């Protein structure tokens, strides 16, 4: 292992930069991105690539429904939170992260 750490450490540092190109490069080294990290990528994409952002959100919502949603209501909350990001990003991000605090199915 290099002094920069393993692939996941590099990926986490890339997320912290907010640079989508660096994030994508680091993500390519990983076998899988967990749902929480995928959410952070969506937040970065929102500002950096609005066109690609919509597709990323749809993929995230599909994964959330498959891996974490216990009900249709929770999926609706996630959709509403994404829609609310423009008006109240702090609240919406907190809601989305809160949905991930529940254990996976």
Protein backbone atom coordinates (compact mmCIF):
# COMPACT_ATOMS: atom_id res chain seq x y z
CA UNK A 1 0.00 0.00 0.00
CA UNK A 2 1.27 3.46 -0.82
CA UNK A 3 1.51 6.37 1.57
CA UNK A 4 -1.72 7.65 0.00
CA UNK A 5 -3.64 4.66 1.34
CA UNK A 6 -5.81 2.15 -0.41
CA UNK A 7 -8.37 2.75 -3.15
CA UNK A 8 -11.20 3.50 -0.73
CA UNK A 9 -9.08 6.04 1.17
CA UNK A 10 -8.24 7.77 -2.11
CA UNK A 11 -11.91 7.72 -3.05
CA UNK A 12 -12.96 9.30 0.26
CA UNK A 13 -10.36 12.04 -0.17
CA UNK A 14 -11.62 12.59 -3.72
CA UNK A 15 -15.17 13.01 -2.37
CA UNK A 16 -13.88 15.62 0.05
CA UNK A 17 -12.41 17.63 -2.85
CA UNK A 18 -15.78 17.94 -4.58
CA UNK A 19 -13.99 17.55 -7.94
CA UNK A 20 -16.15 15.21 -10.00
CA UNK A 21 -13.34 14.21 -12.34
CA UNK A 22 -11.16 13.16 -9.41
CA UNK A 23 -14.12 11.38 -7.79
CA UNK A 24 -14.85 9.39 -10.95
CA UNK A 25 -11.22 8.41 -11.32
CA UNK A 26 -11.01 7.20 -7.72
CA UNK A 27 -14.39 5.45 -7.94
CA UNK A 28 -13.21 3.48 -10.96
CA UNK A 29 -10.71 1.70 -8.69
CA UNK A 30 -13.46 0.36 -6.42
CA UNK A 31 -15.50 -2.79 -6.96
CA UNK A 32 -18.62 -1.09 -5.58
CA UNK A 33 -19.79 2.26 -4.20
CA UNK A 34 -22.02 2.07 -1.14
CA UNK A 35 -25.30 3.95 -1.03
CA UNK A 36 -24.06 6.68 1.30
CA UNK A 37 -21.07 7.45 -0.91
CA UNK A 38 -23.30 7.36 -3.99
CA UNK A 39 -25.48 9.99 -2.31
CA UNK A 40 -22.44 12.20 -1.78
CA UNK A 41 -21.58 11.82 -5.45
CA UNK A 42 -25.12 12.95 -6.31
CA UNK A 43 -24.64 16.07 -4.19
CA UNK A 44 -21.43 16.90 -6.07
CA UNK A 45 -23.04 16.20 -9.45
CA UNK A 46 -25.91 18.55 -8.66
CA UNK A 47 -23.64 21.55 -9.02
CA UNK A 48 -21.08 20.17 -11.45
CA UNK A 49 -23.19 18.31 -14.02
CA UNK A 50 -26.90 19.10 -13.76
CA UNK A 51 -27.82 16.99 -16.81
CA UNK A 52 -26.08 13.88 -15.49
CA UNK A 53 -27.39 14.64 -12.00
CA UNK A 54 -30.96 13.62 -12.84
CA UNK A 55 -29.83 10.22 -14.10
CA UNK A 56 -27.63 9.75 -11.03
CA UNK A 57 -30.53 10.57 -8.73
CA UNK A 58 -32.77 8.06 -10.51
CA UNK A 59 -30.11 5.37 -10.14
CA UNK A 60 -29.67 6.29 -6.47
CA UNK A 61 -33.43 6.12 -5.86
CA UNK A 62 -33.61 2.71 -7.54
CA UNK A 63 -30.81 1.42 -5.33
CA UNK A 64 -32.40 2.96 -2.25
CA UNK A 65 -35.72 1.28 -3.06
CA UNK A 66 -34.02 -2.05 -3.60
CA UNK A 67 -31.58 -1.94 -0.66
CA UNK A 68 -33.07 0.25 2.07
CA UNK A 69 -36.67 1.40 1.58
CA UNK A 70 -39.06 -0.33 3.94
CA UNK A 71 -42.10 1.35 2.42
CA UNK A 72 -43.37 3.41 -0.46
CA UNK A 73 -43.58 6.30 2.01
CA UNK A 74 -39.82 6.23 2.55
CA UNK A 75 -39.24 6.31 -1.19
CA UNK A 76 -41.60 9.31 -1.42
CA UNK A 77 -39.62 11.06 1.33
CA UNK A 78 -36.40 10.47 -0.61
CA UNK A 79 -37.92 11.86 -3.82
CA UNK A 80 -39.29 14.90 -2.00
CA UNK A 81 -35.91 15.51 -0.36
CA UNK A 82 -34.15 15.48 -3.74
CA UNK A 83 -36.79 17.86 -5.09
CA UNK A 84 -36.26 20.14 -2.08
CA UNK A 85 -32.49 20.44 -2.52
CA UNK A 86 -32.84 23.69 -4.49
CA UNK A 87 -34.93 25.43 -1.81
CA UNK A 88 -33.45 24.01 1.38
CA UNK A 89 -30.30 21.97 0.72
CA UNK A 90 -29.33 21.55 4.38
CA UNK A 91 -32.70 20.13 5.36
CA UNK A 92 -32.93 17.92 2.27
CA UNK A 93 -29.43 16.53 2.69
CA UNK A 94 -30.18 15.79 6.35
CA UNK A 95 -33.39 13.95 5.35
CA UNK A 96 -31.60 11.85 2.77
CA UNK A 97 -28.78 10.97 5.14
CA UNK A 98 -31.35 10.15 7.81
CA UNK A 99 -32.96 7.61 5.51
CA UNK A 100 -29.60 5.85 5.34
CA UNK A 101 -29.30 5.62 9.13
CA UNK A 102 -31.74 2.73 9.06
CA UNK A 103 -30.26 -0.74 8.66
CA UNK A 104 -30.24 -2.30 5.18
CA UNK A 105 -32.87 -4.90 4.35
